[in-house]
Amino acid sequence: MGNKVSAIDSRVTKERKKRVMIRGMFNYPNGRNILEEHHSTGANQWVTVFFNWADYKYNDEELMDLVVARINARNGIISSGPVHHDVKWCLSLRVPEYWKSSDVSIAAAAKVIAQWYQSEMRHAGVKINRRYLFRGCNRKRRLLY
């Protein structure tokens, strides 16, 4: 019996190593970051939408409106990993592995996920991690020009 338990434990440990928790793009109402789960197996797809300087002024719900609109307009990219950790001023949404792998179905799923986050903002107080999204932004220096 002891060997079965240790075998199960080692299998769970191996499975755990495949998943990595990374800083997320959203925060709880108390300011604590909602970590995003990233599977190293590459089974997930990520839809990334980019922002510009004019988008900085919008509140979180309006930013999510922009995300939905840009997904509808197919103004974004689909990748196997989150782009927002390497590129500033963009937001990547994880589309779980159980969606069909066509671009249309991935975009449709990302739109639903964006709308869900927007609903969480309205009803549960979830916020976009604006410090991380708009990192490298020096608003004071920009206003002087």
Protein backbone atom coordinates (compact mmCIF):
# COMPACT_ATOMS: atom_id res chain seq x y z
CA MET A 1 0.00 0.00 0.00
CA GLY A 2 2.76 2.43 0.84
CA ASN A 3 4.25 2.05 -2.63
CA LYS A 4 0.95 2.95 -4.32
CA VAL A 5 0.67 6.13 -2.33
CA SER A 6 4.21 7.19 -3.18
CA ALA A 7 3.60 6.38 -6.86
CA ILE A 8 0.49 8.54 -6.85
CA ASP A 9 2.34 11.34 -5.06
CA SER A 10 5.14 11.32 -7.63
CA ARG A 11 2.61 11.39 -10.48
CA VAL A 12 0.82 14.36 -8.89
CA THR A 13 4.17 16.12 -8.48
CA LYS A 14 4.97 15.58 -12.16
CA GLU A 15 1.55 16.94 -13.16
CA ARG A 16 2.07 19.94 -10.91
CA LYS A 17 5.38 20.70 -12.60
CA LYS A 18 3.59 21.01 -15.93
CA ARG A 19 1.49 23.89 -14.64
CA VAL A 20 3.01 27.22 -13.72
CA MET A 21 1.25 30.07 -11.97
CA ILE A 22 2.18 33.43 -13.51
CA ARG A 23 1.25 37.01 -12.66
CA GLY A 24 -2.16 37.70 -14.11
CA MET A 25 -3.70 40.69 -15.81
CA PHE A 26 -6.53 40.96 -13.27
CA ASN A 27 -6.71 41.80 -9.56
CA TYR A 28 -9.19 40.98 -6.81
CA PRO A 29 -11.02 43.96 -5.24
CA ASN A 30 -8.48 43.93 -2.36
CA GLY A 31 -5.66 44.47 -4.88
CA ARG A 32 -4.25 40.93 -4.71
CA ASN A 33 -3.29 39.60 -8.12
CA ILE A 34 -5.26 36.79 -9.73
CA LEU A 35 -2.55 34.45 -10.94
CA GLU A 36 -3.01 32.88 -14.33
CA GLU A 37 -2.44 29.22 -14.89
CA HIS A 38 -0.17 28.35 -17.78
CA HIS A 39 0.20 24.77 -18.98
CA SER A 40 3.67 24.03 -20.29
CA THR A 41 2.21 21.33 -22.55
CA GLY A 42 1.00 24.12 -24.86
CA ALA A 43 -2.57 22.85 -24.94
CA ASN A 44 -4.09 26.32 -24.49
CA GLN A 45 -4.48 29.11 -26.99
CA TRP A 46 -4.17 32.79 -26.10
CA VAL A 47 -5.93 35.68 -27.80
CA THR A 48 -4.03 38.96 -27.46
CA VAL A 49 -5.41 42.44 -28.05
CA PHE A 50 -3.13 45.48 -28.20
CA PHE A 51 -3.78 48.94 -26.77
CA ASN A 52 -2.49 52.39 -27.68
CA TRP A 53 -1.99 55.64 -25.81
CA ALA A 54 -5.58 56.80 -26.43
CA ASP A 55 -6.90 53.68 -24.66
CA TYR A 56 -5.14 54.56 -21.39
CA LYS A 57 -7.94 56.96 -20.37
CA TYR A 58 -10.68 54.30 -20.37
CA ASN A 59 -11.84 52.58 -17.19
CA ASP A 60 -11.62 48.81 -16.83
CA GLU A 61 -15.09 48.01 -18.16
CA GLU A 62 -14.53 50.25 -21.18
CA LEU A 63 -11.19 48.53 -21.81
CA MET A 64 -12.99 45.19 -21.83
CA ASP A 65 -15.50 46.68 -24.32
CA LEU A 66 -12.49 47.51 -26.50
CA VAL A 67 -11.18 43.96 -26.10
CA VAL A 68 -14.53 42.52 -27.24
CA ALA A 69 -14.76 44.97 -30.15
CA ARG A 70 -11.21 44.20 -31.29
CA ILE A 71 -11.83 40.47 -31.07
CA ASN A 72 -14.98 40.94 -33.18
CA ALA A 73 -12.97 42.96 -35.71
CA ARG A 74 -10.24 40.28 -35.64
CA ASN A 75 -7.78 42.93 -34.54
CA GLY A 76 -5.49 40.79 -32.41
CA ILE A 77 -3.40 37.65 -32.51
CA ILE A 78 -3.83 34.02 -31.49
CA SER A 79 -0.77 32.34 -30.00
CA SER A 80 0.20 29.32 -27.96
CA GLY A 81 1.44 31.45 -25.06
CA PRO A 82 0.55 34.70 -23.30
CA VAL A 83 2.07 37.66 -25.14
CA HIS A 84 1.39 40.22 -22.40
CA HIS A 85 4.39 39.04 -20.35
CA ASP A 86 6.81 39.93 -23.14
CA VAL A 87 5.06 42.89 -24.77
CA LYS A 88 3.73 45.96 -22.97
CA TRP A 89 0.31 47.45 -23.62
CA CYS A 90 -1.51 44.26 -24.53
CA LEU A 91 -3.90 41.86 -22.84
CA SER A 92 -3.91 38.12 -23.48
CA LEU A 93 -6.89 35.92 -22.64
CA ARG A 94 -6.41 32.18 -22.16
CA VAL A 95 -8.77 29.98 -24.14
CA PRO A 96 -8.84 26.51 -22.54
CA GLU A 97 -7.75 23.46 -24.49
CA TYR A 98 -11.21 21.97 -24.93
CA TRP A 99 -12.23 24.47 -27.61
CA LYS A 100 -11.89 23.49 -31.24
CA SER A 101 -8.68 24.80 -32.71
CA SER A 102 -10.14 26.92 -35.52
CA ASP A 103 -9.49 30.66 -35.37
CA VAL A 104 -13.22 31.43 -35.42
CA SER A 105 -14.00 29.21 -32.42
CA ILE A 106 -10.99 30.47 -30.47
CA ALA A 107 -11.99 34.10 -31.11
CA ALA A 108 -15.60 33.37 -30.13
CA ALA A 109 -14.45 31.72 -26.90
CA ALA A 110 -12.13 34.67 -26.14
CA LYS A 111 -15.04 37.07 -26.66
CA VAL A 112 -17.12 35.13 -24.11
CA ILE A 113 -14.19 35.09 -21.68
CA ALA A 114 -13.73 38.86 -22.07
CA GLN A 115 -17.45 39.40 -21.42
CA TRP A 116 -17.20 37.17 -18.35
CA TYR A 117 -14.32 39.29 -16.99
CA GLN A 118 -16.36 42.41 -17.68
CA SER A 119 -19.25 40.92 -15.70
CA GLU A 120 -16.87 40.09 -12.85
CA MET A 121 -15.74 43.73 -12.89
CA ARG A 122 -19.32 44.96 -12.57
CA HIS A 123 -20.54 42.51 -9.97
CA ALA A 124 -17.51 41.24 -8.03
CA GLY A 125 -15.14 44.21 -8.17
CA VAL A 126 -12.41 42.53 -10.24
CA LYS A 127 -9.99 45.07 -11.74
CA ILE A 128 -7.51 45.06 -14.59
CA ASN A 129 -3.93 45.09 -13.37
CA ARG A 130 -3.34 48.47 -15.00
CA ARG A 131 0.15 48.86 -13.51
CA TYR A 132 1.22 45.72 -15.36
CA LEU A 133 -0.82 46.34 -18.52
CA PHE A 134 0.42 49.89 -19.00
CA ARG A 135 3.91 49.32 -17.58
CA GLY A 136 6.53 51.67 -18.88
CA CYS A 137 3.98 54.45 -19.11
CA ASN A 138 5.24 57.76 -17.80
CA ARG A 139 2.08 59.86 -17.97
CA LYS A 140 3.67 63.01 -16.47
CA ARG A 141 6.45 63.13 -19.02
CA ARG A 142 3.96 62.45 -21.83
CA LEU A 143 1.76 65.37 -20.75
CA LEU A 144 4.67 67.83 -20.90
CA TYR A 145 5.11 67.38 -24.65
